[in-house]
């Protein structure tokens, strides 16, 4: 089983930047898709960015032009560069990845990292 752990969250002023990382507990041989999701208080979890093994990238409209998803080649996990942060970006951010680890398929989520953007 692959466990994912996010890091890089914190408190930042509006207009600032954060870089979120997602580390895996074991070697990932192949990754089919990587995603970042977020959940704000009282709201449903939403997908903000995705990257597939075919290098197809998608962003939620709310973050286009400000967030960038890419892959940590050493880990085969995603990271998320967030620029021009806004108070409405405040949420718990989760990474998700599915793929093949040591011959076994997996679909795993991290436990989340808090991002708070002050006005």
Protein backbone atom coordinates (compact mmCIF):
# COMPACT_ATOMS: atom_id res chain seq x y z
CA UNK A 1 0.00 0.00 0.00
CA UNK A 2 1.25 3.44 -0.89
CA UNK A 3 0.92 6.19 1.70
CA UNK A 4 1.17 9.79 0.59
CA UNK A 5 2.19 12.68 2.81
CA UNK A 6 1.76 16.31 1.84
CA UNK A 7 3.93 19.15 3.09
CA UNK A 8 4.51 22.81 2.38
CA UNK A 9 1.28 24.28 3.64
CA UNK A 10 1.14 27.21 6.00
CA UNK A 11 0.02 30.77 6.53
CA UNK A 12 0.73 33.31 3.81
CA UNK A 13 -0.49 36.79 2.95
CA UNK A 14 -2.61 37.39 -0.12
CA UNK A 15 -0.40 37.63 -3.18
CA UNK A 16 2.15 35.27 -1.73
CA UNK A 17 3.29 31.84 -2.87
CA UNK A 18 3.54 28.31 -1.50
CA UNK A 19 4.88 25.07 -2.93
CA UNK A 20 3.16 21.89 -1.85
CA UNK A 21 4.96 18.55 -2.03
CA UNK A 22 3.62 15.02 -1.89
CA UNK A 23 5.92 12.22 -0.75
CA UNK A 24 5.30 8.51 -1.12
CA UNK A 25 6.06 5.84 1.47
CA UNK A 26 7.42 3.43 -1.12
CA UNK A 27 8.69 3.25 -4.65
CA UNK A 28 6.15 4.04 -7.33
CA UNK A 29 6.97 2.31 -10.58
CA UNK A 30 4.37 3.90 -12.79
CA UNK A 31 1.89 6.65 -12.10
CA UNK A 32 -1.25 6.95 -14.20
CA UNK A 33 -2.53 10.22 -12.81
CA UNK A 34 -1.69 12.74 -10.12
CA UNK A 35 -4.05 15.25 -8.66
CA UNK A 36 -4.35 18.00 -6.10
CA UNK A 37 -7.69 18.59 -4.39
CA UNK A 38 -8.76 21.02 -1.72
CA UNK A 39 -11.56 21.33 0.78
CA UNK A 40 -12.52 24.60 2.40
CA UNK A 41 -14.59 24.68 5.62
CA UNK A 42 -18.23 23.94 4.89
CA UNK A 43 -17.56 23.12 1.25
CA UNK A 44 -17.15 19.97 -0.79
CA UNK A 45 -13.74 18.74 -1.81
CA UNK A 46 -12.80 19.99 -5.27
CA UNK A 47 -10.10 19.05 -7.73
CA UNK A 48 -7.78 21.93 -8.50
CA UNK A 49 -5.18 20.34 -10.77
CA UNK A 50 -4.42 17.04 -12.47
CA UNK A 51 -1.57 15.55 -14.46
CA UNK A 52 -1.84 12.28 -16.33
CA UNK A 53 0.85 9.90 -17.54
CA UNK A 54 0.27 11.31 -21.02
CA UNK A 55 1.24 14.75 -19.70
CA UNK A 56 -2.31 16.05 -19.97
CA UNK A 57 -2.78 18.84 -17.45
CA UNK A 58 -6.01 20.36 -16.26
CA UNK A 59 -6.77 23.12 -13.79
CA UNK A 60 -9.89 24.33 -12.11
CA UNK A 61 -10.96 27.70 -13.48
CA UNK A 62 -10.40 29.30 -10.08
CA UNK A 63 -6.66 28.55 -10.14
CA UNK A 64 -5.75 28.78 -13.83
CA UNK A 65 -2.76 31.01 -14.42
CA UNK A 66 -1.79 30.94 -10.73
CA UNK A 67 -1.18 27.28 -9.85
CA UNK A 68 1.17 24.85 -11.58
CA UNK A 69 1.17 21.09 -11.14
CA UNK A 70 4.24 19.10 -12.01
CA UNK A 71 5.87 15.82 -11.15
CA UNK A 72 8.71 15.07 -8.79
CA UNK A 73 10.56 12.65 -11.08
CA UNK A 74 12.44 11.04 -8.23
CA UNK A 75 9.27 10.23 -6.31
CA UNK A 76 6.73 9.98 -9.12
CA UNK A 77 4.49 12.19 -7.02
CA UNK A 78 2.99 15.59 -7.72
CA UNK A 79 3.88 18.97 -6.41
CA UNK A 80 1.84 22.16 -6.67
CA UNK A 81 3.31 25.61 -7.06
CA UNK A 82 0.77 28.19 -5.95
CA UNK A 83 1.32 31.86 -6.80
CA UNK A 84 -0.77 34.98 -6.33
CA UNK A 85 -2.66 33.32 -3.52
CA UNK A 86 -6.04 34.68 -2.52
CA UNK A 87 -8.00 34.34 0.73
CA UNK A 88 -10.47 32.10 -1.11
CA UNK A 89 -7.64 29.60 -1.68
CA UNK A 90 -7.72 28.85 2.03
CA UNK A 91 -8.38 25.12 2.40
CA UNK A 92 -6.89 21.77 3.28
CA UNK A 93 -5.01 20.53 0.23
CA UNK A 94 -4.77 16.83 -0.60
CA UNK A 95 -2.66 14.98 -3.12
CA UNK A 96 -3.88 11.88 -4.85
CA UNK A 97 -2.04 9.46 -7.10
CA UNK A 98 -2.90 6.18 -8.76
CA UNK A 99 -0.55 3.81 -10.48
CA UNK A 100 1.57 0.76 -9.98
CA UNK A 101 3.91 0.16 -7.07
CA UNK A 102 6.04 -2.98 -7.16
CA UNK A 103 3.54 -4.74 -9.36
CA UNK A 104 0.45 -3.75 -7.37
CA UNK A 105 -2.07 -1.13 -8.45
CA UNK A 106 -2.82 1.60 -5.95
CA UNK A 107 -5.02 4.66 -5.60
CA UNK A 108 -3.99 6.72 -2.60
CA UNK A 109 -4.72 10.02 -0.91
CA UNK A 110 -2.62 11.99 1.50
CA UNK A 111 -3.87 13.24 4.85
CA UNK A 112 -3.89 16.88 3.76
CA UNK A 113 -1.97 20.04 4.51
CA UNK A 114 -3.55 23.31 5.63
CA UNK A 115 -3.14 26.41 3.49
CA UNK A 116 -4.33 29.68 4.99
CA UNK A 117 -4.22 32.92 3.04
CA UNK A 118 -4.77 36.12 4.98
CA UNK A 119 -6.21 39.26 3.40
